[in-house]
Structure formats: C-alpha cells, structure tokens
Amino acid sequence: GATLTPFEGDTLGFHSPGRERRRQAVNRWIR
C-alpha cells in the first residue's frame, strides 16, 4: 500500500479540511 500524496491548495477544487482529514485517516490506516 502506498500512502496518498498531499493536495492542499489544488487547482481542481478537490481539497477541503474534511477531505484532508479523510486522506490522513486513510494514510494512518495504511501505515
């Protein structure tokens, strides 16, 4: 499993604080 890379400030409109928390939760589980 590879951890999900950062995307804060992305120009595609993907990021939000809640979505960052989800990324961190998935990465914590992978690790």
All heavy atoms as atom14 arrays in JSON, in Angstrom:
{
  "sequence": "GATLTPFEGDTLGFHSPGRERRRQAVNRWIR",
  "atom14_mask": [
    [1, 1, 1, 1, 0, 0, 0, 0, 0, 0, 0, 0, 0, 0],
    [1, 1, 1, 1, 1, 0, 0, 0, 0, 0, 0, 0, 0, 0],
    [1, 1, 1, 1, 1, 1, 1, 0, 0, 0, 0, 0, 0, 0],
    [1, 1, 1, 1, 1, 1, 1, 1, 0, 0, 0, 0, 0, 0],
    [1, 1, 1, 1, 1, 1, 1, 0, 0, 0, 0, 0, 0, 0],
    [1, 1, 1, 1, 1, 1, 1, 0, 0, 0, 0, 0, 0, 0],
    [1, 1, 1, 1, 1, 1, 1, 1, 1, 1, 1, 0, 0, 0],
    [1, 1, 1, 1, 1, 1, 1, 1, 1, 0, 0, 0, 0, 0],
    [1, 1, 1, 1, 0, 0, 0, 0, 0, 0, 0, 0, 0, 0],
    [1, 1, 1, 1, 1, 1, 1, 1, 0, 0, 0, 0, 0, 0],
    [1, 1, 1, 1, 1, 1, 1, 0, 0, 0, 0, 0, 0, 0],
    [1, 1, 1, 1, 1, 1, 1, 1, 0, 0, 0, 0, 0, 0],
    [1, 1, 1, 1, 0, 0, 0, 0, 0, 0, 0, 0, 0, 0],
    [1, 1, 1, 1, 1, 1, 1, 1, 1, 1, 1, 0, 0, 0],
    [1, 1, 1, 1, 1, 1, 1, 1, 1, 1, 0, 0, 0, 0],
    [1, 1, 1, 1, 1, 1, 0, 0, 0, 0, 0, 0, 0, 0],
    [1, 1, 1, 1, 1, 1, 1, 0, 0, 0, 0, 0, 0, 0],
    [1, 1, 1, 1, 0, 0, 0, 0, 0, 0, 0, 0, 0, 0],
    [1, 1, 1, 1, 1, 1, 1, 1, 1, 1, 1, 0, 0, 0],
    [1, 1, 1, 1, 1, 1, 1, 1, 1, 0, 0, 0, 0, 0],
    [1, 1, 1, 1, 1, 1, 1, 1, 1, 1, 1, 0, 0, 0],
    [1, 1, 1, 1, 1, 1, 1, 1, 1, 1, 1, 0, 0, 0],
    [1, 1, 1, 1, 1, 1, 1, 1, 1, 1, 1, 0, 0, 0],
    [1, 1, 1, 1, 1, 1, 1, 1, 1, 0, 0, 0, 0, 0],
    [1, 1, 1, 1, 1, 0, 0, 0, 0, 0, 0, 0, 0, 0],
    [1, 1, 1, 1, 1, 1, 1, 0, 0, 0, 0, 0, 0, 0],
    [1, 1, 1, 1, 1, 1, 1, 1, 0, 0, 0, 0, 0, 0],
    [1, 1, 1, 1, 1, 1, 1, 1, 1, 1, 1, 0, 0, 0],
    [1, 1, 1, 1, 1, 1, 1, 1, 1, 1, 1, 1, 1, 1],
    [1, 1, 1, 1, 1, 1, 1, 1, 0, 0, 0, 0, 0, 0],
    [1, 1, 1, 1, 1, 1, 1, 1, 1, 1, 1, 0, 0, 0]
  ],
  "atom14_positions": [
    [[0.82, -1.2, 0.0], [0.0, 0.0, 0.0], [0.85, 1.25, 0.0], [1.79, 1.38, 0.8], [0.0, 0.0, 0.0], [0.0, 0.0, 0.0], [0.0, 0.0, 0.0], [0.0, 0.0, 0.0], [0.0, 0.0, 0.0], [0.0, 0.0, 0.0], [0.0, 0.0, 0.0], [0.0, 0.0, 0.0], [0.0, 0.0, 0.0], [0.0, 0.0, 0.0]],
    [[0.54, 2.19, -0.88], [1.21, 3.48, -0.95], [0.32, 4.55, -0.33], [-0.88, 4.62, -0.62], [1.56, 3.84, -2.39], [0.0, 0.0, 0.0], [0.0, 0.0, 0.0], [0.0, 0.0, 0.0], [0.0, 0.0, 0.0], [0.0, 0.0, 0.0], [0.0, 0.0, 0.0], [0.0, 0.0, 0.0], [0.0, 0.0, 0.0], [0.0, 0.0, 0.0]],
    [[0.89, 5.39, 0.51], [0.12, 6.46, 1.14], [-0.27, 7.53, 0.11], [0.43, 7.75, -0.88], [0.92, 7.1, 2.28], [2.21, 7.5, 1.8], [1.09, 6.13, 3.44], [0.0, 0.0, 0.0], [0.0, 0.0, 0.0], [0.0, 0.0, 0.0], [0.0, 0.0, 0.0], [0.0, 0.0, 0.0], [0.0, 0.0, 0.0], [0.0, 0.0, 0.0]],
    [[-1.4, 8.17, 0.36], [-1.94, 9.18, -0.55], [-1.18, 10.49, -0.4], [-0.94, 10.97, 0.71], [-3.42, 9.41, -0.26], [-4.32, 8.17, -0.27], [-5.77, 8.56, 0.01], [-4.21, 7.42, -1.58], [0.0, 0.0, 0.0], [0.0, 0.0, 0.0], [0.0, 0.0, 0.0], [0.0, 0.0, 0.0], [0.0, 0.0, 0.0], [0.0, 0.0, 0.0]],
    [[-0.79, 11.07, -1.53], [0.04, 12.26, -1.52], [-0.77, 13.52, -1.25], [-1.99, 13.56, -1.46], [0.79, 12.38, -2.86], [-0.16, 12.32, -3.93], [1.8, 11.25, -3.02], [0.0, 0.0, 0.0], [0.0, 0.0, 0.0], [0.0, 0.0, 0.0], [0.0, 0.0, 0.0], [0.0, 0.0, 0.0], [0.0, 0.0, 0.0], [0.0, 0.0, 0.0]],
    [[-0.13, 14.61, -0.78], [-0.85, 15.84, -0.4], [-1.48, 16.54, -1.6], [-0.98, 16.45, -2.72], [0.25, 16.72, 0.2], [1.41, 15.82, 0.46], [1.31, 14.71, -0.54], [0.0, 0.0, 0.0], [0.0, 0.0, 0.0], [0.0, 0.0, 0.0], [0.0, 0.0, 0.0], [0.0, 0.0, 0.0], [0.0, 0.0, 0.0], [0.0, 0.0, 0.0]],
    [[-2.57, 17.31, -1.32], [-3.19, 18.07, -2.41], [-3.83, 19.37, -1.92], [-4.7, 19.95, -2.59], [-4.19, 17.22, -3.19], [-5.37, 16.71, -2.4], [-6.61, 17.32, -2.49], [-5.24, 15.61, -1.56], [-7.71, 16.85, -1.78], [-6.32, 15.13, -0.84], [-7.56, 15.75, -0.95], [0.0, 0.0, 0.0], [0.0, 0.0, 0.0], [0.0, 0.0, 0.0]],
    [[-3.39, 19.87, -0.78], [-3.93, 21.14, -0.29], [-3.6, 22.27, -1.27], [-2.49, 22.35, -1.8], [-3.33, 21.47, 1.08], [-3.91, 22.73, 1.71], [-3.37, 23.01, 3.09], [-2.86, 22.06, 3.73], [-3.45, 24.18, 3.52], [0.0, 0.0, 0.0], [0.0, 0.0, 0.0], [0.0, 0.0, 0.0], [0.0, 0.0, 0.0], [0.0, 0.0, 0.0]],
    [[-4.59, 23.12, -1.54], [-4.41, 24.23, -2.46], [-4.53, 23.84, -3.91], [-4.22, 24.65, -4.8], [0.0, 0.0, 0.0], [0.0, 0.0, 0.0], [0.0, 0.0, 0.0], [0.0, 0.0, 0.0], [0.0, 0.0, 0.0], [0.0, 0.0, 0.0], [0.0, 0.0, 0.0], [0.0, 0.0, 0.0], [0.0, 0.0, 0.0], [0.0, 0.0, 0.0]],
    [[-4.99, 22.63, -4.2], [-5.05, 22.16, -5.6], [-5.96, 23.04, -6.44], [-6.92, 23.62, -5.94], [-5.52, 20.7, -5.66], [-7.01, 20.56, -5.43], [-7.46, 20.76, -4.27], [-7.74, 20.29, -6.39], [0.0, 0.0, 0.0], [0.0, 0.0, 0.0], [0.0, 0.0, 0.0], [0.0, 0.0, 0.0], [0.0, 0.0, 0.0], [0.0, 0.0, 0.0]],
    [[-5.66, 23.11, -7.71], [-6.42, 23.96, -8.63], [-7.64, 23.26, -9.21], [-8.37, 23.85, -10.02], [-5.52, 24.42, -9.79], [-5.04, 23.27, -10.5], [-4.34, 25.23, -9.28], [0.0, 0.0, 0.0], [0.0, 0.0, 0.0], [0.0, 0.0, 0.0], [0.0, 0.0, 0.0], [0.0, 0.0, 0.0], [0.0, 0.0, 0.0], [0.0, 0.0, 0.0]],
    [[-7.89, 22.01, -8.83], [-9.02, 21.27, -9.37], [-10.25, 21.35, -8.47], [-11.31, 20.83, -8.83], [-8.65, 19.8, -9.59], [-7.44, 19.51, -10.48], [-7.29, 18.03, -10.7], [-7.57, 20.24, -11.81], [0.0, 0.0, 0.0], [0.0, 0.0, 0.0], [0.0, 0.0, 0.0], [0.0, 0.0, 0.0], [0.0, 0.0, 0.0], [0.0, 0.0, 0.0]],
    [[-10.1, 21.93, -7.31], [-11.24, 22.02, -6.39], [-11.47, 20.75, -5.6], [-12.58, 20.52, -5.1], [0.0, 0.0, 0.0], [0.0, 0.0, 0.0], [0.0, 0.0, 0.0], [0.0, 0.0, 0.0], [0.0, 0.0, 0.0], [0.0, 0.0, 0.0], [0.0, 0.0, 0.0], [0.0, 0.0, 0.0], [0.0, 0.0, 0.0], [0.0, 0.0, 0.0]],
    [[-10.45, 19.92, -5.43], [-10.59, 18.67, -4.7], [-10.53, 18.87, -3.18], [-11.17, 18.16, -2.43], [-9.47, 17.69, -5.09], [-9.69, 16.95, -6.38], [-10.6, 17.39, -7.34], [-8.98, 15.8, -6.65], [-10.78, 16.71, -8.52], [-9.16, 15.1, -7.83], [-10.06, 15.56, -8.77], [0.0, 0.0, 0.0], [0.0, 0.0, 0.0], [0.0, 0.0, 0.0]],
    [[-9.73, 19.83, -2.72], [-9.37, 19.88, -1.32], [-10.41, 20.6, -0.46], [-11.07, 21.54, -0.89], [-8.02, 20.6, -1.16], [-7.5, 20.58, 0.24], [-7.79, 21.57, 1.17], [-6.74, 19.67, 0.89], [-7.21, 21.27, 2.31], [-6.56, 20.14, 2.17], [0.0, 0.0, 0.0], [0.0, 0.0, 0.0], [0.0, 0.0, 0.0], [0.0, 0.0, 0.0]],
    [[-10.54, 20.12, 0.75], [-11.26, 20.82, 1.82], [-10.68, 20.27, 3.13], [-10.05, 19.2, 3.14], [-12.78, 20.55, 1.76], [-13.06, 19.23, 2.18], [0.0, 0.0, 0.0], [0.0, 0.0, 0.0], [0.0, 0.0, 0.0], [0.0, 0.0, 0.0], [0.0, 0.0, 0.0], [0.0, 0.0, 0.0], [0.0, 0.0, 0.0], [0.0, 0.0, 0.0]],
    [[-10.89, 20.97, 4.24], [-10.37, 20.45, 5.51], [-10.91, 19.06, 5.84], [-10.16, 18.2, 6.33], [-10.84, 21.5, 6.52], [-10.92, 22.77, 5.73], [-11.41, 22.36, 4.38], [0.0, 0.0, 0.0], [0.0, 0.0, 0.0], [0.0, 0.0, 0.0], [0.0, 0.0, 0.0], [0.0, 0.0, 0.0], [0.0, 0.0, 0.0], [0.0, 0.0, 0.0]],
    [[-12.18, 18.82, 5.55], [-12.74, 17.5, 5.81], [-12.12, 16.42, 4.95], [-11.88, 15.29, 5.41], [0.0, 0.0, 0.0], [0.0, 0.0, 0.0], [0.0, 0.0, 0.0], [0.0, 0.0, 0.0], [0.0, 0.0, 0.0], [0.0, 0.0, 0.0], [0.0, 0.0, 0.0], [0.0, 0.0, 0.0], [0.0, 0.0, 0.0], [0.0, 0.0, 0.0]],
    [[-11.84, 16.75, 3.7], [-11.22, 15.78, 2.81], [-9.76, 15.51, 3.21], [-9.27, 14.39, 3.07], [-11.33, 16.27, 1.37], [-12.76, 16.18, 0.85], [-12.95, 16.77, -0.52], [-14.28, 16.41, -1.02], [-14.73, 16.72, -2.23], [-13.97, 17.44, -3.05], [-15.94, 16.34, -2.61], [0.0, 0.0, 0.0], [0.0, 0.0, 0.0], [0.0, 0.0, 0.0]],
    [[-9.09, 16.53, 3.71], [-7.74, 16.31, 4.22], [-7.76, 15.37, 5.42], [-6.9, 14.49, 5.55], [-7.09, 17.65, 4.6], [-5.75, 17.53, 5.3], [-4.65, 16.91, 4.45], [-4.86, 16.71, 3.23], [-3.57, 16.62, 5.01], [0.0, 0.0, 0.0], [0.0, 0.0, 0.0], [0.0, 0.0, 0.0], [0.0, 0.0, 0.0], [0.0, 0.0, 0.0]],
    [[-8.76, 15.5, 6.28], [-8.86, 14.58, 7.41], [-9.07, 13.15, 6.93], [-8.52, 12.2, 7.5], [-10.0, 15.01, 8.34], [-9.68, 16.25, 9.17], [-10.7, 16.48, 10.28], [-12.01, 16.86, 9.76], [-12.37, 18.11, 9.5], [-11.53, 19.11, 9.72], [-13.59, 18.38, 9.06], [0.0, 0.0, 0.0], [0.0, 0.0, 0.0], [0.0, 0.0, 0.0]],
    [[-9.85, 12.99, 5.86], [-10.05, 11.64, 5.29], [-8.74, 11.08, 4.74], [-8.42, 9.9, 4.93], [-11.12, 11.68, 4.2], [-12.51, 11.38, 4.72], [-13.56, 11.57, 3.65], [-14.07, 12.93, 3.67], [-14.89, 13.44, 2.76], [-15.28, 12.7, 1.75], [-15.32, 14.68, 2.86], [0.0, 0.0, 0.0], [0.0, 0.0, 0.0], [0.0, 0.0, 0.0]],
    [[-7.99, 11.92, 4.02], [-6.69, 11.46, 3.5], [-5.78, 11.0, 4.63], [-5.14, 9.94, 4.56], [-6.02, 12.57, 2.69], [-4.7, 12.16, 2.05], [-4.04, 13.32, 1.32], [-3.42, 14.26, 2.24], [-2.15, 14.19, 2.63], [-1.37, 13.19, 2.22], [-1.66, 15.1, 3.45], [0.0, 0.0, 0.0], [0.0, 0.0, 0.0], [0.0, 0.0, 0.0]],
    [[-5.73, 11.81, 5.69], [-4.87, 11.46, 6.82], [-5.33, 10.16, 7.48], [-4.51, 9.34, 7.9], [-4.86, 12.6, 7.83], [-4.21, 13.89, 7.34], [-2.7, 13.77, 7.23], [-2.11, 12.74, 7.55], [-2.06, 14.84, 6.76], [0.0, 0.0, 0.0], [0.0, 0.0, 0.0], [0.0, 0.0, 0.0], [0.0, 0.0, 0.0], [0.0, 0.0, 0.0]],
    [[-6.65, 9.96, 7.58], [-7.17, 8.74, 8.19], [-6.8, 7.51, 7.37], [-6.41, 6.46, 7.91], [-8.68, 8.83, 8.37], [0.0, 0.0, 0.0], [0.0, 0.0, 0.0], [0.0, 0.0, 0.0], [0.0, 0.0, 0.0], [0.0, 0.0, 0.0], [0.0, 0.0, 0.0], [0.0, 0.0, 0.0], [0.0, 0.0, 0.0], [0.0, 0.0, 0.0]],
    [[-6.93, 7.63, 6.04], [-6.56, 6.51, 5.17], [-5.07, 6.23, 5.28], [-4.64, 5.07, 5.41], [-6.96, 6.81, 3.71], [-6.4, 5.74, 2.76], [-8.48, 6.88, 3.57], [0.0, 0.0, 0.0], [0.0, 0.0, 0.0], [0.0, 0.0, 0.0], [0.0, 0.0, 0.0], [0.0, 0.0, 0.0], [0.0, 0.0, 0.0], [0.0, 0.0, 0.0]],
    [[-4.25, 7.28, 5.26], [-2.8, 7.08, 5.38], [-2.41, 6.47, 6.71], [-1.52, 5.6, 6.78], [-2.08, 8.42, 5.18], [-1.99, 8.82, 3.72], [-2.34, 8.05, 2.83], [-1.51, 10.02, 3.47], [0.0, 0.0, 0.0], [0.0, 0.0, 0.0], [0.0, 0.0, 0.0], [0.0, 0.0, 0.0], [0.0, 0.0, 0.0], [0.0, 0.0, 0.0]],
    [[-3.05, 6.91, 7.77], [-2.76, 6.33, 9.09], [-3.06, 4.84, 9.1], [-2.27, 4.03, 9.63], [-3.58, 7.07, 10.15], [-3.26, 6.68, 11.59], [-3.81, 7.7, 12.58], [-5.23, 8.02, 12.35], [-5.65, 9.18, 11.86], [-4.8, 10.15, 11.55], [-6.96, 9.4, 11.71], [0.0, 0.0, 0.0], [0.0, 0.0, 0.0], [0.0, 0.0, 0.0]],
    [[-4.17, 4.46, 8.48], [-4.51, 3.03, 8.41], [-3.49, 2.26, 7.57], [-3.05, 1.17, 7.96], [-5.92, 2.86, 7.84], [-6.28, 1.43, 7.64], [-6.77, 0.57, 8.58], [-6.13, 0.66, 6.44], [-6.95, -0.68, 8.03], [-6.57, -0.65, 6.72], [-5.69, 0.97, 5.15], [-6.56, -1.65, 5.76], [-5.68, -0.03, 4.2], [-6.11, -1.33, 4.5]],
    [[-3.1, 2.81, 6.41], [-2.11, 2.13, 5.56], [-0.81, 1.91, 6.33], [-0.22, 0.82, 6.28], [-1.87, 2.93, 4.27], [-3.11, 2.89, 3.36], [-0.64, 2.4, 3.52], [-3.02, 3.81, 2.16], [0.0, 0.0, 0.0], [0.0, 0.0, 0.0], [0.0, 0.0, 0.0], [0.0, 0.0, 0.0], [0.0, 0.0, 0.0], [0.0, 0.0, 0.0]],
    [[-0.38, 2.95, 7.07], [0.91, 2.85, 7.77], [0.87, 1.9, 8.97], [1.87, 1.24, 9.27], [1.32, 4.24, 8.27], [1.71, 5.24, 7.19], [2.22, 6.53, 7.84], [2.63, 7.51, 6.82], [1.98, 8.64, 6.55], [0.87, 8.93, 7.23], [2.42, 9.47, 5.64], [0.0, 0.0, 0.0], [0.0, 0.0, 0.0], [0.0, 0.0, 0.0]]
  ]
}
